[in-house]
Protein backbone atom coordinates (compact mmCIF):
# COMPACT_ATOMS: atom_id res chain seq x y z
CA MET A 1 -69.91 65.20 56.10
CA ALA A 2 -71.20 68.73 55.78
CA THR A 3 -70.44 69.38 59.44
CA THR A 4 -66.89 68.10 58.95
CA ARG A 5 -66.33 70.45 56.02
CA THR A 6 -67.82 73.40 57.90
CA ALA A 7 -65.73 72.70 60.97
CA ALA A 8 -62.57 72.32 58.91
CA THR A 9 -63.24 75.54 57.02
CA LYS A 10 -63.97 77.49 60.19
CA SER A 11 -60.84 76.17 61.86
CA ARG A 12 -58.68 77.75 59.17
CA GLY A 13 -60.16 81.11 59.98
CA ASN A 14 -59.67 82.53 56.51
CA GLY A 15 -63.41 82.89 55.89
CA SER A 16 -63.25 80.89 52.66
CA ASP A 17 -65.71 78.05 52.05
CA VAL A 18 -63.19 76.12 49.94
CA PRO A 19 -61.87 73.07 51.80
CA SER A 20 -58.16 72.41 51.88
CA THR A 21 -56.51 69.37 50.31
CA GLU A 22 -55.98 67.97 53.78
CA ASP A 23 -59.71 68.30 54.53
CA VAL A 24 -60.61 66.46 51.32
CA GLU A 25 -58.07 63.72 52.03
CA LYS A 26 -59.49 63.25 55.55
CA GLN A 27 -63.01 63.06 54.14
CA PHE A 28 -61.91 60.53 51.50
CA GLU A 29 -60.22 58.43 54.17
CA GLN A 30 -63.37 58.53 56.30
CA LEU A 31 -65.42 57.62 53.22
CA ARG A 32 -63.10 54.67 52.46
CA ASN A 33 -63.44 53.45 56.05
CA ASP A 34 -67.24 53.79 55.89
CA ILE A 35 -67.40 51.91 52.58
CA ALA A 36 -65.14 49.15 53.93
CA ALA A 37 -67.34 48.79 57.02
CA LEU A 38 -70.49 48.79 54.89
CA THR A 39 -68.98 46.18 52.54
CA ASP A 40 -68.09 43.97 55.48
CA THR A 41 -71.59 44.30 56.93
CA VAL A 42 -73.28 43.51 53.62
CA GLN A 43 -70.96 40.54 53.09
CA ARG A 44 -71.74 39.12 56.54
CA MET A 45 -75.45 39.65 55.90
CA GLY A 46 -75.19 37.85 52.57
CA VAL A 47 -73.36 34.90 54.11
CA GLY A 48 -76.01 34.69 56.82
CA LYS A 49 -78.79 34.72 54.24
CA VAL A 50 -77.04 32.00 52.23
CA HIS A 51 -76.79 29.82 55.33
CA GLU A 52 -80.47 30.42 56.10
CA ALA A 53 -81.45 29.49 52.54
CA GLN A 54 -79.28 26.36 52.62
CA HIS A 55 -80.83 25.30 55.91
CA ALA A 56 -84.36 25.89 54.58
CA ALA A 57 -83.59 23.95 51.41
CA THR A 58 -82.14 21.05 53.40
CA GLU A 59 -85.20 20.95 55.65
CA ALA A 60 -87.51 21.05 52.63
CA GLY A 61 -85.53 18.22 51.04
CA HIS A 62 -85.86 16.10 54.17
CA ASP A 63 -89.59 16.82 54.33
CA LEU A 64 -90.06 15.87 50.68
CA THR A 65 -88.04 12.68 51.14
CA GLU A 66 -90.19 11.67 54.09
CA ALA A 67 -93.38 12.46 52.18
CA TYR A 68 -92.26 10.43 49.14
CA GLU A 69 -91.20 7.51 51.31
CA GLY A 70 -94.61 7.53 53.00
CA ALA A 71 -96.41 7.73 49.67
CA LEU A 72 -94.27 4.90 48.29
CA LYS A 73 -95.07 2.69 51.29
CA ASN A 74 -98.80 3.42 50.85
CA LEU A 75 -98.66 2.58 47.15
CA GLN A 76 -96.76 -0.62 47.85
CA ALA A 77 -99.36 -1.65 50.44
CA GLU A 78 -102.22 -0.89 48.03
CA PHE A 79 -100.49 -2.83 45.24
CA ASP A 80 -99.93 -5.80 47.55
CA ALA A 81 -103.60 -5.74 48.59
CA LEU A 82 -104.75 -5.50 44.96
CA GLU A 83 -102.45 -8.36 43.96
CA GLY A 84 -103.85 -10.47 46.79
CA ASN A 85 -107.43 -9.71 45.69
CA VAL A 86 -106.69 -10.61 42.05
CA THR A 87 -104.98 -13.84 43.11
CA ARG A 88 -107.99 -14.82 45.29
CA GLN A 89 -110.44 -14.01 42.48
CA VAL A 90 -108.48 -16.05 39.93
CA ARG A 91 -108.24 -19.02 42.32
CA SER A 92 -111.93 -18.88 43.20
CA ASN A 93 -113.13 -18.36 39.57
CA PRO A 94 -110.48 -19.71 37.20
CA LEU A 95 -112.73 -20.02 34.15
CA GLN A 96 -114.05 -16.50 34.55
CA ALA A 97 -110.46 -15.18 34.90
CA LEU A 98 -109.44 -17.10 31.77
CA GLY A 99 -112.38 -15.64 29.84
CA ILE A 100 -111.57 -12.10 30.97
CA ALA A 101 -107.91 -12.53 30.04
CA ALA A 102 -108.86 -13.87 26.59
CA GLY A 103 -111.30 -11.00 26.05
CA VAL A 104 -108.71 -8.39 27.00
CA GLY A 105 -106.17 -10.06 24.71
CA ILE A 106 -108.57 -10.03 21.74
CA LEU A 107 -109.52 -6.40 22.45
CA LEU A 108 -105.85 -5.34 22.53
CA ALA A 109 -105.15 -7.25 19.33
CA VAL A 110 -108.02 -5.47 17.55
CA LEU A 111 -106.95 -2.06 18.84
CA THR A 112 -103.31 -2.46 17.88
CA ARG A 113 -104.12 -3.79 14.41
CA LYS A 114 -105.89 -0.58 13.31
């Protein structure tokens, strides 16, 4: 901008360093155009960043969903195996299972009464 002012002042030839109204208006117009271009660039950058963040969040969501589904399947398999083991133990030792169940029931009754 300083070169524009110097060139405009020299072109008048009056030797004064005071810019004319026309020079100031031209500089303001150039400044408006520069600000508009900068605003457009920043806006496009912001939109691009928003799209990048949305894409990253979507990918992270998919990854988390897959991880939770895998963990849920593993837990279900472990629960099924544990249930099968308990069922086999109860069938092979019914009196022992009955004694354990009675003992746990009495223990819970004592604990909840206090």
